Amino acid sequence: MTEAGVFVGESTGPFPGSLDADLIRRYAVATGDRSARTRAGLAVPAVAIVTQIWAAQEAGRGALVGREVQASASGGVHGEHDVVLHRPLVPGEPLRTWVHGFAARPVGRNALVTLRYSTLDGRGEVVAEQLWTTVYLNATCGAIGPPVPDHSFPADARQRPVGEYAVTVDADMPRRYAEVSGDWSDHHFDVAAARRGGFDRPFLHGLCTMALCAQGLVDAVAGGDPDRVQRVAVRFASPAFVGDDLRVGIYEAGPFRYAFEADSAGSPVVTHGRLELRGDRVR
């Protein structure tokens, strides 16, 4: 009998943290955020909550992912990420994050395993949730848990383009992002490590790529106000390489909803992107 890929219903944590003004300012610099409020540490960028789960991700993977999946996989890549913000985060507020086994399913020769991260404030209320789906290569698992929430690109959205923009992945961006996220994985800095993973040169962190997409959308459709963002979700198709431009296309997908996709050097980098806004301004 094939082992379930994740222990649904089990959790580990809490992992304490906080997005203080200094971290917000450094995150804004790391990702090239142009918002005056975020660069001053006065507002939390929509995707900055991911900086609170690196330790939780490592612990959750060890405690909640099936042993057979971990032992048999030839490697793993970040497949999808979905961030839901139940309210705007307040700079400096204390946060605690729990990791939960959410779902797993076999897809072709690989196993897709999703962990859910619930971040609570000082009153014990959930302020943010994240779904991190890892593709375990050449591994299999039994299907368990619910489907992940949909964020597929609506076919008719291409008839409603909003705009596009481009940003350069500069040579120092991986280091700046590692300093604020804690992710110093070798393949972001070392050519030999990148080649061992099947790539010819170092590449940007996926969650930094997600941040670049999100802040461009915030500028384009939310008046530059990150507090209006309620959800950002992406599927990672391939990395953005250091030195290349990332080009993002934005499309209307319904009231306060936008679809987006990004490519770099002619290859898709982010597909099935979704940004959802709160209907009313919160400031």
Protein backbone atom coordinates (compact mmCIF):
# COMPACT_ATOMS: atom_id res chain seq x y z
CA MET A 1 0.00 0.00 0.00
CA THR A 2 1.37 3.41 -0.99
CA GLU A 3 2.07 5.70 1.94
CA ALA A 4 0.19 8.99 2.22
CA GLY A 5 2.53 11.82 1.28
CA VAL A 6 1.68 13.98 4.27
CA PHE A 7 0.28 13.54 7.77
CA VAL A 8 -3.03 15.38 7.44
CA GLY A 9 -4.37 16.67 10.76
CA GLU A 10 -0.95 16.82 12.39
CA SER A 11 0.87 20.07 13.19
CA THR A 12 4.14 21.42 14.50
CA GLY A 13 4.96 24.75 16.09
CA PRO A 14 4.61 27.46 17.10
CA PHE A 15 7.44 29.40 15.50
CA PRO A 16 7.66 32.97 16.84
CA GLY A 17 8.42 35.95 14.66
CA SER A 18 7.68 39.54 13.77
CA LEU A 19 7.86 41.83 10.77
CA ASP A 20 9.47 44.82 12.46
CA ALA A 21 10.24 48.09 10.72
CA ASP A 22 13.89 47.19 10.13
CA LEU A 23 13.04 43.86 8.48
CA ILE A 24 10.39 45.53 6.32
CA ARG A 25 12.85 48.18 5.16
CA ARG A 26 15.49 45.56 4.32
CA TYR A 27 12.89 43.42 2.53
CA ALA A 28 11.81 46.43 0.47
CA VAL A 29 15.40 47.12 -0.54
CA ALA A 30 16.04 43.42 -1.26
CA THR A 31 13.09 43.19 -3.64
CA GLY A 32 13.32 46.69 -5.12
CA ASP A 33 9.96 47.72 -3.68
CA ARG A 34 9.15 51.28 -4.75
CA SER A 35 6.46 52.00 -2.14
CA ALA A 36 7.46 54.88 0.13
CA ARG A 37 5.50 53.33 3.01
CA THR A 38 7.22 49.96 2.80
CA ARG A 39 10.67 51.49 2.31
CA ALA A 40 10.02 53.47 5.52
CA GLY A 41 8.91 50.33 7.37
CA LEU A 42 5.37 51.63 7.80
CA ALA A 43 3.48 48.99 5.74
CA VAL A 44 4.07 45.28 5.25
CA PRO A 45 4.49 44.17 1.61
CA ALA A 46 1.96 41.56 0.54
CA VAL A 47 4.41 38.66 0.22
CA ALA A 48 6.76 39.61 3.09
CA ILE A 49 4.93 37.19 5.41
CA VAL A 50 6.92 34.40 3.72
CA THR A 51 10.00 35.55 5.67
CA GLN A 52 8.31 34.19 8.80
CA ILE A 53 8.15 30.54 7.69
CA TRP A 54 11.66 29.44 6.67
CA ALA A 55 12.37 27.67 9.99
CA ALA A 56 8.80 26.38 10.04
CA GLN A 57 9.23 24.98 6.51
CA GLU A 58 12.32 23.02 7.48
CA ALA A 59 10.67 21.63 10.62
CA GLY A 60 7.38 20.92 8.89
CA ARG A 61 9.05 19.02 6.07
CA GLY A 62 10.80 16.77 8.56
CA ALA A 63 7.79 16.17 10.80
CA LEU A 64 4.83 16.14 8.42
CA VAL A 65 5.96 14.80 5.02
CA GLY A 66 5.78 11.02 4.58
CA ARG A 67 9.05 9.18 5.19
CA GLU A 68 8.74 7.17 1.98
CA VAL A 69 8.34 10.31 -0.11
CA GLN A 70 11.37 11.94 1.47
CA ALA A 71 13.54 8.83 1.11
CA SER A 72 12.64 8.01 -2.49
CA ALA A 73 12.60 11.51 -4.04
CA SER A 74 15.55 12.44 -6.24
CA GLY A 75 14.97 16.08 -5.34
CA GLY A 76 12.28 18.65 -4.71
CA VAL A 77 11.18 21.96 -6.20
CA HIS A 78 8.77 24.64 -5.07
CA GLY A 79 5.67 24.07 -7.20
CA GLU A 80 3.05 26.54 -5.97
CA HIS A 81 2.60 29.14 -3.24
CA ASP A 82 -0.62 30.75 -2.04
CA VAL A 83 -0.75 33.60 0.50
CA VAL A 84 -4.02 34.76 2.10
CA LEU A 85 -3.97 37.82 4.37
CA HIS A 86 -7.03 38.06 6.61
CA ARG A 87 -6.16 41.63 7.51
CA PRO A 88 -3.25 43.99 6.88
CA LEU A 89 -0.30 43.05 9.06
CA VAL A 90 0.96 45.63 11.54
CA PRO A 91 4.71 46.33 11.59
CA GLY A 92 6.27 45.03 14.78
CA GLU A 93 3.32 42.96 16.02
CA PRO A 94 4.26 39.58 17.55
CA LEU A 95 3.41 36.59 15.35
CA ARG A 96 3.34 32.82 15.86
CA THR A 97 3.23 30.33 13.01
CA TRP A 98 2.01 26.72 13.04
CA VAL A 99 2.61 24.21 10.22
CA HIS A 100 -0.07 21.66 9.31
CA GLY A 101 -0.16 18.70 6.96
CA PHE A 102 -2.68 19.73 4.29
CA ALA A 103 -2.72 17.45 1.22
CA ALA A 104 -0.74 15.22 -1.12
CA ARG A 105 -1.38 13.65 -4.50
CA PRO A 106 0.59 11.75 -7.14
CA VAL A 107 1.05 13.49 -10.49
CA GLY A 108 2.86 11.49 -13.14
CA ARG A 109 6.21 10.38 -11.78
CA ASN A 110 6.16 12.91 -8.95
CA ALA A 111 4.44 13.55 -5.63
CA LEU A 112 2.88 16.94 -4.84
CA VAL A 113 2.82 17.66 -1.10
CA THR A 114 1.19 20.75 0.40
CA LEU A 115 1.81 22.15 3.88
CA ARG A 116 -0.35 24.89 5.39
CA TYR A 117 1.11 27.68 7.51
CA SER A 118 -1.19 29.52 9.90
CA THR A 119 0.16 32.73 11.39
CA LEU A 120 -1.54 34.07 14.52
CA ASP A 121 -1.32 37.46 16.20
CA GLY A 122 -0.95 38.25 19.90
CA ARG A 123 -4.68 37.65 20.48
CA GLY A 124 -4.50 34.20 18.93
CA GLU A 125 -6.40 35.20 15.78
CA VAL A 126 -5.28 33.90 12.39
CA VAL A 127 -3.97 36.83 10.36
CA ALA A 128 -2.32 34.97 7.46
CA GLU A 129 -2.37 31.53 5.86
CA GLN A 130 0.00 30.08 3.30
CA LEU A 131 -0.06 26.92 1.23
CA TRP A 132 3.39 25.73 0.10
CA THR A 133 3.31 22.92 -2.45
CA THR A 134 6.53 21.00 -3.04
CA VAL A 135 7.04 18.73 -6.05
CA TYR A 136 8.99 15.67 -4.88
CA LEU A 137 10.69 14.38 -8.03
CA ASN A 138 10.53 10.69 -8.92
CA ALA A 139 8.50 9.89 -5.80
CA THR A 140 4.98 8.61 -5.39
CA CYS A 141 2.37 8.84 -2.65
CA GLY A 142 -1.24 8.10 -1.88
CA ALA A 143 -3.78 10.87 -2.44
CA ILE A 144 -4.98 12.51 0.76
CA GLY A 145 -6.47 15.83 1.82
CA PRO A 146 -8.56 18.42 -0.03
CA PRO A 147 -7.67 20.03 -3.37
CA VAL A 148 -5.71 23.25 -3.12
CA PRO A 149 -7.80 26.41 -3.73
CA ASP A 150 -8.04 27.28 -7.41
CA HIS A 151 -6.01 30.11 -8.88
CA SER A 152 -5.93 28.98 -12.51
CA PHE A 153 -5.61 31.59 -15.25
CA PRO A 154 -9.10 32.29 -16.67
CA ALA A 155 -9.09 31.84 -20.45
CA ASP A 156 -11.22 34.93 -21.03
CA ALA A 157 -8.90 37.13 -18.95
CA ARG A 158 -6.62 37.52 -21.97
CA GLN A 159 -9.34 39.67 -23.50
CA ARG A 160 -8.93 42.14 -20.62
CA PRO A 161 -5.25 43.13 -20.42
CA VAL A 162 -4.38 45.73 -17.79
CA GLY A 163 -0.70 46.26 -18.47
CA GLU A 164 2.77 44.84 -18.18
CA TYR A 165 6.05 45.76 -16.62
CA ALA A 166 9.63 44.50 -16.38
CA VAL A 167 12.25 44.35 -13.65
CA THR A 168 15.88 43.24 -13.82
CA VAL A 169 17.14 40.50 -11.52
CA ASP A 170 20.39 42.20 -10.56
CA ALA A 171 23.47 40.27 -9.46
CA ASP A 172 23.11 41.22 -5.79
CA MET A 173 19.39 40.44 -5.44
CA PRO A 174 19.82 36.80 -4.29
CA ARG A 175 22.15 37.88 -1.47
CA ARG A 176 19.85 40.69 -0.35
CA TYR A 177 16.89 38.33 -0.36
CA ALA A 178 18.77 35.60 1.53
CA GLU A 179 19.61 38.09 4.26
CA VAL A 180 15.93 38.81 4.94
CA SER A 181 14.51 35.33 4.28
CA GLY A 182 17.17 33.04 5.74
CA ASP A 183 17.33 30.99 2.52
CA TRP A 184 21.02 30.64 1.64
CA SER A 185 20.59 27.62 -0.64
CA ASP A 186 23.76 27.16 -2.71
CA HIS A 187 22.03 27.10 -6.11
CA HIS A 188 21.21 30.81 -5.75
CA PHE A 189 24.90 31.73 -5.55
CA ASP A 190 27.14 28.97 -6.86
CA VAL A 191 27.39 27.90 -10.52
CA ALA A 192 28.40 24.31 -9.66
CA ALA A 193 25.46 23.94 -7.26
CA ALA A 194 23.06 25.32 -9.86
CA ARG A 195 24.40 22.88 -12.45
CA ARG A 196 23.92 19.96 -10.05
CA GLY A 197 20.26 20.94 -10.01
CA GLY A 198 20.07 20.96 -13.81
CA PHE A 199 20.54 24.70 -14.38
CA ASP A 200 23.45 26.41 -16.08
CA ARG A 201 23.81 29.32 -13.66
CA PRO A 202 22.51 30.70 -10.32
CA PHE A 203 18.89 31.76 -10.15
CA LEU A 204 16.63 33.89 -7.99
CA HIS A 205 14.60 32.54 -5.08
CA GLY A 206 11.06 31.63 -6.17
CA LEU A 207 9.51 33.59 -3.32
CA CYS A 208 11.53 36.66 -4.29
CA THR A 209 10.21 36.25 -7.85
CA MET A 210 6.71 36.10 -6.37
CA ALA A 211 7.40 39.33 -4.48
CA LEU A 212 8.59 41.08 -7.65
CA CYS A 213 5.35 40.10 -9.37
CA ALA A 214 3.16 41.15 -6.46
CA GLN A 215 4.65 44.58 -5.91
CA GLY A 216 4.34 45.39 -9.61
CA LEU A 217 0.66 44.48 -9.45
CA VAL A 218 0.19 46.56 -6.30
CA ASP A 219 1.62 49.56 -8.16
CA ALA A 220 -0.56 48.90 -11.19
CA VAL A 221 -3.96 48.01 -9.70
CA ALA A 222 -3.94 48.90 -5.99
CA GLY A 223 -2.62 52.44 -6.09
CA GLY A 224 0.63 51.32 -4.51
CA ASP A 225 -1.15 50.32 -1.27
CA PRO A 226 -0.04 46.84 -0.06
CA ASP A 227 -2.69 46.88 2.68
CA ARG A 228 -5.34 46.31 0.01
CA VAL A 229 -3.96 42.89 -0.92
CA GLN A 230 -5.95 39.91 0.34
CA ARG A 231 -4.43 37.05 -1.67
CA VAL A 232 -1.44 36.32 -3.90
CA ALA A 233 -1.01 32.87 -5.49
CA VAL A 234 1.40 31.53 -8.10
CA ARG A 235 2.61 28.39 -9.83
CA PHE A 236 6.35 28.30 -10.45
CA ALA A 237 7.22 27.14 -13.97
CA SER A 238 10.99 27.77 -14.09
CA PRO A 239 13.54 30.03 -12.37
CA ALA A 240 14.40 33.62 -13.16
CA PHE A 241 18.15 33.81 -13.71
CA VAL A 242 20.46 36.45 -12.34
CA GLY A 243 21.10 39.18 -14.90
CA ASP A 244 17.88 38.61 -16.86
CA ASP A 245 14.71 40.70 -16.98
CA LEU A 246 11.47 39.44 -15.49
CA ARG A 247 8.44 40.52 -17.55
CA VAL A 248 4.98 40.41 -15.97
CA GLY A 249 1.65 40.62 -17.79
CA ILE A 250 -1.49 41.63 -15.84
CA TYR A 251 -5.11 40.88 -16.77
CA GLU A 252 -8.48 41.61 -15.16
CA ALA A 253 -10.11 38.42 -13.84
CA GLY A 254 -13.23 39.77 -12.11
CA PRO A 255 -14.12 42.36 -9.46
CA PHE A 256 -10.97 43.11 -7.44
CA ARG A 257 -9.26 40.09 -9.04
CA TYR A 258 -6.32 40.01 -11.40
CA ALA A 259 -4.55 37.19 -13.24
CA PHE A 260 -0.88 37.48 -14.06
CA GLU A 261 2.01 35.56 -15.55
CA ALA A 262 5.72 36.22 -15.85
CA ASP A 263 8.47 35.16 -18.22
CA SER A 264 12.22 35.66 -18.43
CA ALA A 265 14.55 35.14 -21.40
CA GLY A 266 11.63 33.74 -23.38
CA SER A 267 10.66 31.07 -20.84
CA PRO A 268 7.63 31.07 -18.51
CA VAL A 269 8.64 31.69 -14.90
CA VAL A 270 5.28 32.20 -13.14
CA THR A 271 1.99 30.82 -14.45
CA HIS A 272 -1.54 30.89 -13.05
CA GLY A 273 -0.81 33.97 -10.96
CA ARG A 274 -3.68 35.48 -9.01
CA LEU A 275 -3.95 38.69 -6.98
CA GLU A 276 -7.12 39.56 -5.05
CA LEU A 277 -7.81 42.90 -3.40
CA ARG A 278 -10.03 43.98 -0.57
CA GLY A 279 -12.99 45.89 -1.93
CA ASP A 280 -12.46 48.95 0.23
CA ARG A 281 -9.32 50.80 1.13
CA VAL A 282 -8.26 50.12 4.71
CA ARG A 283 -6.50 53.40 5.39
